[in-house]
């Protein structure tokens, strides 16, 4: 296109030289023809811009991350002159089409239309625009190209997907840890931990207290009724959608994956997250997971939500003390979170911290221990085999 404009500019200079030195009808005709050519092209582009029609639609506006959704767009010429060199550009940061239309140019005769059908796949949970983003118009002589945004953009509401895990790699050695802390064959389902102010005296395990010479309290676990708690970080860490959408999607994806793993085993668990205060969800196996999923899909991330404050508030309420397993899905670790999770581990719980980050995992993993595991998961990584 640039070469064509340079060539036309050279012809215009040549025509101007011709009328300056020679004159005559041919020189003037050639000069006016070369001069009017770009003007005609611009008028044509402006006319197409005013009259061209594009329609687009999806099968539904409430989508699920990773699931293809039927989509189509229609290019239509309702004029008496032909359109040529029409192409489209699609939103590609957060979604993609199974069939690409990026390098296709459409020519439409008067009254003609072109229907393009494909499926759209959304990559992240959230609310954002999908489908055709802009139309590109090119004139007949390919001298100019005009981009303009499509009116009536499609805004989709995308829910997180559920990753179905065959196993939780992070707790693969859990039976060995539980056996290590039990008091013997006479009480195989009783774990003990250090006494914490506020514990009921009825929970004190006197045999363990006498043996260790300090107050110990019992935590009844049982093989089918272990206390499981899952906490999710709901802070927004960036104002750029290209940064916060992938991160928030992976946080909720991990949150749901752990919950679905235990729900699929028909185990009860408690889930916690911040929404201008602590939200607690009690999920009773697979029957209660559907309602839990819809509530998690509606979570709002807020830059003022501090995960350490929410976690400390939950701990002060004492609700985590009855949990044998505590999972934390976070983006960052700080001294306050490390202190709380260390205290939970010292109190008898097994703590697993999933850190969703692209930073060097060595800085995080070295802060783990036998009862407090730290697993680093890259933002764009698959969860299968990592959780």
Protein backbone atom coordinates (compact mmCIF):
# COMPACT_ATOMS: atom_id res chain seq x y z
CA UNK A 1 0.00 0.00 0.00
CA UNK A 2 2.82 2.39 0.81
CA UNK A 3 4.47 1.49 -2.51
CA UNK A 4 1.26 2.34 -4.37
CA UNK A 5 1.03 5.74 -2.68
CA UNK A 6 4.67 6.49 -3.50
CA UNK A 7 4.07 5.48 -7.11
CA UNK A 8 0.99 7.72 -7.28
CA UNK A 9 3.01 10.57 -5.75
CA UNK A 10 5.68 10.08 -8.42
CA UNK A 11 3.02 10.23 -11.18
CA UNK A 12 1.60 13.42 -9.66
CA UNK A 13 5.05 15.05 -9.71
CA UNK A 14 5.55 13.90 -13.30
CA UNK A 15 2.13 15.31 -14.29
CA UNK A 16 2.88 18.60 -12.56
CA UNK A 17 6.18 18.82 -14.44
CA UNK A 18 4.36 18.12 -17.72
CA UNK A 19 1.86 20.95 -17.33
CA UNK A 20 4.59 23.31 -16.12
CA UNK A 21 6.85 22.83 -19.14
CA UNK A 22 4.58 21.56 -21.89
CA UNK A 23 0.92 22.29 -21.08
CA UNK A 24 -1.77 20.98 -23.40
CA UNK A 25 -4.99 19.02 -22.87
CA UNK A 26 -3.24 15.68 -22.39
CA UNK A 27 -0.90 16.99 -19.67
CA UNK A 28 -3.74 18.72 -17.82
CA UNK A 29 -6.02 15.70 -18.17
CA UNK A 30 -3.31 13.40 -16.80
CA UNK A 31 -2.63 15.82 -13.92
CA UNK A 32 -6.30 16.11 -12.88
CA UNK A 33 -6.79 12.37 -13.22
CA UNK A 34 -3.85 11.60 -10.89
CA UNK A 35 -4.98 14.32 -8.46
CA UNK A 36 -8.59 13.12 -8.28
CA UNK A 37 -7.70 9.45 -7.88
CA UNK A 38 -6.97 9.59 -4.07
CA UNK A 39 -9.94 11.92 -3.59
CA UNK A 40 -12.26 9.39 -5.22
CA UNK A 41 -10.74 6.63 -3.07
CA UNK A 42 -11.37 8.60 0.13
CA UNK A 43 -14.95 9.39 -0.88
CA UNK A 44 -15.52 5.71 -1.59
CA UNK A 45 -14.15 4.67 1.82
CA UNK A 46 -16.26 7.26 3.59
CA UNK A 47 -19.39 6.08 1.74
CA UNK A 48 -18.73 2.44 2.68
CA UNK A 49 -18.12 3.46 6.29
CA UNK A 50 -21.49 5.21 6.47
CA UNK A 51 -23.48 2.47 4.76
CA UNK A 52 -21.77 -0.83 5.58
CA UNK A 53 -23.59 -3.19 7.99
CA UNK A 54 -22.18 -5.89 10.25
CA UNK A 55 -24.18 -8.05 12.65
CA UNK A 56 -22.76 -10.50 15.19
CA UNK A 57 -24.22 -12.77 17.86
CA UNK A 58 -23.35 -15.66 20.19
CA UNK A 59 -25.61 -18.51 21.25
CA UNK A 60 -25.53 -17.11 24.80
CA UNK A 61 -23.88 -14.32 26.77
CA UNK A 62 -23.17 -16.33 29.95
CA UNK A 63 -20.24 -18.52 29.00
CA UNK A 64 -17.88 -20.94 30.72
CA UNK A 65 -14.15 -20.60 30.44
CA UNK A 66 -12.68 -23.05 27.93
CA UNK A 67 -16.02 -24.23 26.51
CA UNK A 68 -16.66 -23.46 22.79
CA UNK A 69 -19.79 -21.39 22.12
CA UNK A 70 -21.47 -21.05 18.69
CA UNK A 71 -20.93 -17.60 17.16
CA UNK A 72 -21.59 -15.92 13.82
CA UNK A 73 -21.23 -12.55 12.14
CA UNK A 74 -22.86 -11.23 8.97
CA UNK A 75 -21.35 -8.71 6.53
CA UNK A 76 -24.05 -7.08 4.41
CA UNK A 77 -24.12 -4.70 1.44
CA UNK A 78 -27.44 -2.84 1.20
CA UNK A 79 -26.15 -0.29 -1.35
CA UNK A 80 -26.25 0.07 -5.13
CA UNK A 81 -22.44 -0.13 -5.51
CA UNK A 82 -20.03 -2.95 -4.71
CA UNK A 83 -17.85 -3.20 -1.61
CA UNK A 84 -14.34 -4.56 -1.88
CA UNK A 85 -11.40 -5.22 0.40
CA UNK A 86 -13.41 -5.65 3.63
CA UNK A 87 -11.79 -7.55 6.50
CA UNK A 88 -12.38 -7.95 10.22
CA UNK A 89 -10.21 -7.98 13.35
CA UNK A 90 -11.38 -9.96 16.36
CA UNK A 91 -10.81 -9.63 20.10
CA UNK A 92 -7.91 -11.97 20.77
CA UNK A 93 -6.50 -11.07 24.20
CA UNK A 94 -9.06 -13.02 26.24
CA UNK A 95 -10.84 -15.17 23.65
CA UNK A 96 -10.26 -16.78 20.27
CA UNK A 97 -12.25 -18.21 17.37
CA UNK A 98 -11.80 -21.83 16.35
CA UNK A 99 -11.71 -20.65 12.73
CA UNK A 100 -9.61 -17.59 11.94
CA UNK A 101 -10.97 -14.77 9.77
CA UNK A 102 -8.05 -12.38 10.26
CA UNK A 103 -6.50 -12.76 6.78
CA UNK A 104 -9.73 -13.03 4.78
CA UNK A 105 -10.96 -10.16 2.58
CA UNK A 106 -14.59 -10.01 1.50
CA UNK A 107 -16.03 -8.50 -1.68
CA UNK A 108 -19.77 -7.84 -1.63
CA UNK A 109 -21.92 -7.04 -4.65
CA UNK A 110 -25.00 -4.82 -4.19
CA UNK A 111 -27.56 -6.62 -2.01
CA UNK A 112 -25.06 -9.37 -1.18
CA UNK A 113 -24.10 -10.67 2.29
CA UNK A 114 -21.57 -13.05 3.78
CA UNK A 115 -22.39 -15.20 6.84
CA UNK A 116 -19.42 -16.49 8.83
CA UNK A 117 -19.98 -19.14 11.50
CA UNK A 118 -17.53 -20.54 14.03
CA UNK A 119 -17.15 -21.13 17.76
CA UNK A 120 -15.62 -18.79 20.31
CA UNK A 121 -13.58 -19.95 23.29
CA UNK A 122 -13.04 -17.65 26.28
CA UNK A 123 -9.73 -18.10 28.07
CA UNK A 124 -10.44 -16.39 31.38
CA UNK A 125 -13.21 -15.83 33.88
CA UNK A 126 -14.59 -12.28 33.97
CA UNK A 127 -16.57 -9.77 31.93
CA UNK A 128 -15.08 -8.64 28.64
CA UNK A 129 -15.83 -8.09 24.96
CA UNK A 130 -15.60 -10.93 22.45
CA UNK A 131 -16.16 -11.41 18.72
CA UNK A 132 -15.39 -8.84 16.00
CA UNK A 133 -13.56 -5.83 17.40
CA UNK A 134 -13.10 -3.69 14.29
CA UNK A 135 -13.68 -3.58 10.54
CA UNK A 136 -10.93 -2.73 8.08
CA UNK A 137 -11.92 -1.04 4.79
CA UNK A 138 -9.64 -0.83 1.75
CA UNK A 139 -10.38 1.15 -1.41
CA UNK A 140 -10.41 -0.24 -4.97
CA UNK A 141 -6.95 1.12 -5.78
CA UNK A 142 -5.49 -0.03 -2.42
CA UNK A 143 -4.20 3.41 -1.58
CA UNK A 144 -5.84 3.81 1.81
CA UNK A 145 -6.98 1.58 4.66
CA UNK A 146 -9.47 2.65 7.31
CA UNK A 147 -10.05 0.93 10.67
CA UNK A 148 -13.11 1.54 12.78
CA UNK A 149 -14.54 -0.08 15.90
CA UNK A 150 -17.74 -2.08 15.57
CA UNK A 151 -20.72 -0.63 17.38
CA UNK A 152 -22.74 -3.02 19.53
CA UNK A 153 -19.84 -5.05 20.87
CA UNK A 154 -20.68 -8.38 22.52
CA UNK A 155 -19.87 -8.36 26.23
CA UNK A 156 -19.71 -11.84 27.71
CA UNK A 157 -19.94 -12.91 31.34
CA UNK A 158 -17.55 -15.83 31.68
CA UNK A 159 -17.61 -18.28 34.60
CA UNK A 160 -14.53 -20.28 35.67
CA UNK A 161 -14.17 -23.86 34.55
CA UNK A 162 -14.10 -26.81 36.92
CA UNK A 163 -10.92 -28.86 36.76
CA UNK A 164 -11.64 -32.45 37.77
CA UNK A 165 -8.57 -33.80 39.54
CA UNK A 166 -7.84 -37.51 39.88
CA UNK A 167 -5.70 -36.83 42.94
CA UNK A 168 -4.26 -34.00 45.00
CA UNK A 169 -0.52 -34.38 44.56
CA UNK A 170 0.14 -31.99 47.45
CA UNK A 171 -1.44 -34.35 50.01
CA UNK A 172 -0.39 -37.66 48.50
CA UNK A 173 1.57 -38.52 51.68
CA UNK A 174 -1.21 -37.35 54.03
CA UNK A 175 -2.03 -40.81 55.49
CA UNK A 176 1.57 -41.10 56.73
CA UNK A 177 1.37 -37.68 58.39
CA UNK A 178 -1.92 -38.49 60.10
CA UNK A 179 -0.60 -41.81 61.36
CA UNK A 180 2.46 -40.08 62.79
CA UNK A 181 0.28 -37.83 64.97
CA UNK A 182 -2.22 -40.40 66.22
CA UNK A 183 -1.94 -41.71 69.78
CA UNK A 184 -1.95 -45.39 69.07
CA UNK A 185 -4.18 -48.20 68.05
CA UNK A 186 -6.68 -47.65 70.89
CA UNK A 187 -7.67 -44.24 69.54
CA UNK A 188 -6.85 -44.33 65.81
CA UNK A 189 -9.13 -41.43 64.88
CA UNK A 190 -7.96 -38.85 67.45
CA UNK A 191 -5.34 -36.21 66.71
CA UNK A 192 -3.95 -33.94 69.42
CA UNK A 193 -2.57 -30.44 69.29
CA UNK A 194 -1.34 -27.83 71.76
CA UNK A 195 -3.96 -26.14 73.91
CA UNK A 196 -5.01 -22.69 72.63
CA UNK A 197 -6.71 -20.15 74.86
CA UNK A 198 -10.45 -20.47 74.40
CA UNK A 199 -10.48 -24.24 73.83
CA UNK A 200 -13.08 -26.17 75.82
CA UNK A 201 -11.74 -28.10 78.80
CA UNK A 202 -13.76 -31.07 77.61
CA UNK A 203 -11.37 -31.35 74.66
CA UNK A 204 -8.27 -31.82 76.83
CA UNK A 205 -6.61 -35.18 76.24
CA UNK A 206 -5.26 -36.04 79.70
CA UNK A 207 -3.08 -38.98 78.66
CA UNK A 208 -1.23 -36.90 76.10
CA UNK A 209 -1.03 -33.99 78.57
CA UNK A 210 0.58 -36.25 81.19
CA UNK A 211 2.97 -37.75 78.68
CA UNK A 212 4.17 -34.43 77.23
CA UNK A 213 3.81 -32.35 80.42
CA UNK A 214 1.75 -29.63 78.69
CA UNK A 215 -1.90 -29.21 77.88
CA UNK A 216 -2.99 -31.07 74.78
CA UNK A 217 -6.48 -31.06 73.26
CA UNK A 218 -8.06 -33.66 71.04
CA UNK A 219 -9.28 -33.12 67.51
CA UNK A 220 -11.71 -35.82 66.39
CA UNK A 221 -11.09 -36.56 62.73
CA UNK A 222 -12.39 -39.95 61.64
CA UNK A 223 -11.66 -41.34 58.22
CA UNK A 224 -14.87 -40.03 56.61
CA UNK A 225 -15.37 -36.80 58.53
CA UNK A 226 -12.11 -34.87 58.53
CA UNK A 227 -12.32 -31.11 58.89
CA UNK A 228 -11.34 -29.45 55.58
CA UNK A 229 -11.09 -25.71 55.04
CA UNK A 230 -10.21 -23.83 51.84
CA UNK A 231 -9.33 -20.13 51.73
CA UNK A 232 -9.05 -18.02 48.56
CA UNK A 233 -7.33 -14.68 48.04
CA UNK A 234 -9.75 -12.13 46.49
CA UNK A 235 -7.48 -9.12 46.18
CA UNK A 236 -7.05 -7.35 42.82
CA UNK A 237 -3.35 -6.87 42.22
CA UNK A 238 -3.40 -4.79 39.03
CA UNK A 239 -5.52 -2.32 37.10
CA UNK A 240 -4.62 -3.85 33.73
CA UNK A 241 -7.11 -6.47 32.50
CA UNK A 242 -4.34 -8.34 30.69
CA UNK A 243 -2.66 -8.86 34.07
CA UNK A 244 -5.50 -9.36 36.53
CA UNK A 245 -7.87 -11.52 34.43
CA UNK A 246 -5.48 -14.50 33.99
CA UNK A 247 -4.44 -14.34 37.65
CA UNK A 248 -7.98 -14.11 39.05
CA UNK A 249 -9.11 -16.89 36.72
CA UNK A 250 -6.38 -19.23 37.97
CA UNK A 251 -7.07 -18.37 41.64
CA UNK A 252 -10.74 -19.32 41.30
CA UNK A 253 -9.90 -22.31 39.12
CA UNK A 254 -7.63 -23.71 41.87
CA UNK A 255 -10.19 -22.81 44.57
CA UNK A 256 -12.92 -24.74 42.75
CA UNK A 257 -10.65 -27.65 41.79
CA UNK A 258 -9.74 -28.39 45.41
CA UNK A 259 -13.37 -28.03 46.48
CA UNK A 260 -14.63 -30.28 43.69
CA UNK A 261 -12.03 -32.91 44.55
CA UNK A 262 -13.41 -33.29 48.07
CA UNK A 263 -17.04 -32.81 47.00
CA UNK A 264 -16.58 -35.66 44.53
CA UNK A 265 -15.52 -37.84 47.48
CA UNK A 266 -18.70 -36.72 49.29
CA UNK A 267 -16.68 -34.97 51.96
CA UNK A 268 -17.87 -31.80 53.62
CA UNK A 269 -15.65 -28.72 53.59
CA UNK A 270 -15.75 -25.07 54.54
CA UNK A 271 -14.69 -22.39 52.08
CA UNK A 272 -13.67 -18.84 53.03
CA UNK A 273 -13.02 -15.67 51.03
CA UNK A 274 -13.24 -11.92 51.49
CA UNK A 275 -16.01 -9.69 50.10
CA UNK A 276 -15.76 -6.60 52.31
CA UNK A 277 -15.86 -9.06 55.19
CA UNK A 278 -15.50 -12.80 55.59
CA UNK A 279 -17.78 -15.06 53.53
CA UNK A 280 -18.10 -18.64 54.76
CA UNK A 281 -19.55 -21.43 52.63
CA UNK A 282 -20.37 -24.87 54.03
CA UNK A 283 -20.44 -27.40 51.23
CA UNK A 284 -21.90 -30.82 51.96
CA UNK A 285 -20.44 -33.06 49.32
CA UNK A 286 -21.34 -33.06 45.65
CA UNK A 287 -24.97 -32.13 46.33
CA UNK A 288 -23.98 -28.70 47.60
CA UNK A 289 -21.25 -27.95 45.08
CA UNK A 290 -23.48 -26.45 42.38
CA UNK A 291 -24.63 -23.63 44.63
CA UNK A 292 -21.04 -23.11 45.79
CA UNK A 293 -19.87 -22.87 42.15
CA UNK A 294 -22.34 -20.11 41.32
CA UNK A 295 -21.32 -18.11 44.38
CA UNK A 296 -17.62 -18.45 43.54
CA UNK A 297 -18.31 -17.39 39.93
CA UNK A 298 -19.81 -14.14 41.27
CA UNK A 299 -16.82 -13.25 43.49
CA UNK A 300 -15.66 -9.64 43.11
CA UNK A 301 -11.95 -8.95 43.39
CA UNK A 302 -11.03 -5.70 45.15
CA UNK A 303 -7.67 -3.91 45.42
CA UNK A 304 -8.48 -3.03 49.04
CA UNK A 305 -9.09 -6.65 50.06
CA UNK A 306 -6.06 -7.87 52.03
CA UNK A 307 -5.85 -11.67 52.30
CA UNK A 308 -3.81 -11.56 55.51
CA UNK A 309 -6.53 -9.53 57.25
CA UNK A 310 -9.26 -11.92 56.10
CA UNK A 311 -7.23 -14.97 57.14
CA UNK A 312 -6.47 -13.47 60.56
CA UNK A 313 -10.15 -12.67 61.07
CA UNK A 314 -11.13 -16.24 60.23
CA UNK A 315 -8.50 -17.53 62.64
CA UNK A 316 -9.69 -15.25 65.46
CA UNK A 317 -13.18 -16.70 65.03
CA UNK A 318 -11.70 -20.12 65.78
CA UNK A 319 -13.34 -21.78 62.81
CA UNK A 320 -10.06 -23.14 61.43
CA UNK A 321 -9.02 -24.86 64.67
CA UNK A 322 -11.28 -27.83 63.97
CA UNK A 323 -9.75 -28.39 60.54
CA UNK A 324 -7.20 -31.12 59.93
CA UNK A 325 -6.58 -29.83 56.39
CA UNK A 326 -6.33 -26.13 55.54
CA UNK A 327 -5.79 -25.05 51.92
CA UNK A 328 -4.86 -21.48 51.02
CA UNK A 329 -5.02 -20.26 47.41
CA UNK A 330 -2.94 -17.06 47.22
CA UNK A 331 -1.02 -14.81 44.87
CA UNK A 332 1.56 -13.58 47.34
CA UNK A 333 3.07 -14.71 50.63
CA UNK A 334 3.88 -12.14 53.32
CA UNK A 335 5.04 -12.39 56.94
CA UNK A 336 1.48 -12.06 58.30
CA UNK A 337 0.19 -14.99 56.22
CA UNK A 338 3.26 -17.07 57.04
CA UNK A 339 2.72 -16.42 60.77
CA UNK A 340 -0.95 -17.46 60.66
CA UNK A 341 -0.30 -20.62 58.66
CA UNK A 342 2.65 -21.54 60.88
CA UNK A 343 0.40 -21.20 63.94
CA UNK A 344 -2.24 -23.41 62.29
CA UNK A 345 0.39 -26.05 61.54
CA UNK A 346 1.67 -25.90 65.13
CA UNK A 347 -1.93 -26.32 66.32
CA UNK A 348 -2.24 -29.66 64.55
CA UNK A 349 -3.51 -28.82 61.07
CA UNK A 350 -1.80 -29.72 57.83
CA UNK A 351 -1.58 -26.55 55.76
CA UNK A 352 -1.18 -26.51 51.98
CA UNK A 353 -0.50 -23.13 50.34
CA UNK A 354 -0.93 -22.76 46.59
CA UNK A 355 0.83 -19.63 45.34
CA UNK A 356 -0.35 -18.58 41.87
CA UNK A 357 2.58 -16.59 40.51
CA UNK A 358 5.18 -16.47 37.76
CA UNK A 359 7.95 -15.53 40.18
CA UNK A 360 10.86 -17.82 41.04
CA UNK A 361 9.36 -20.71 43.07
CA UNK A 362 12.54 -21.24 45.12
CA UNK A 363 11.82 -18.14 47.20
CA UNK A 364 8.49 -19.66 48.26
CA UNK A 365 9.16 -23.38 48.50
CA UNK A 366 12.05 -22.97 50.94
CA UNK A 367 9.60 -21.47 53.46
CA UNK A 368 7.59 -24.69 53.60
CA UNK A 369 7.85 -27.51 56.13
CA UNK A 370 6.46 -31.00 56.74
CA UNK A 371 3.12 -29.68 58.00
CA UNK A 372 3.03 -26.54 55.86
CA UNK A 373 3.50 -27.26 52.20
CA UNK A 374 3.96 -24.49 49.66
CA UNK A 375 3.21 -25.25 46.01
CA UNK A 376 3.94 -22.65 43.31
CA UNK A 377 1.74 -22.71 40.20
CA UNK A 378 2.44 -20.46 37.18
CA UNK A 379 -0.50 -18.29 36.11
CA UNK A 380 -0.93 -19.97 32.73
CA UNK A 381 -0.12 -23.51 33.89
CA UNK A 382 -2.57 -26.41 33.90
CA UNK A 383 -3.64 -27.52 37.37
CA UNK A 384 -3.67 -31.25 36.67
CA UNK A 385 -0.55 -32.79 38.20
CA UNK A 386 0.38 -29.59 40.07
CA UNK A 387 -2.26 -29.36 42.78
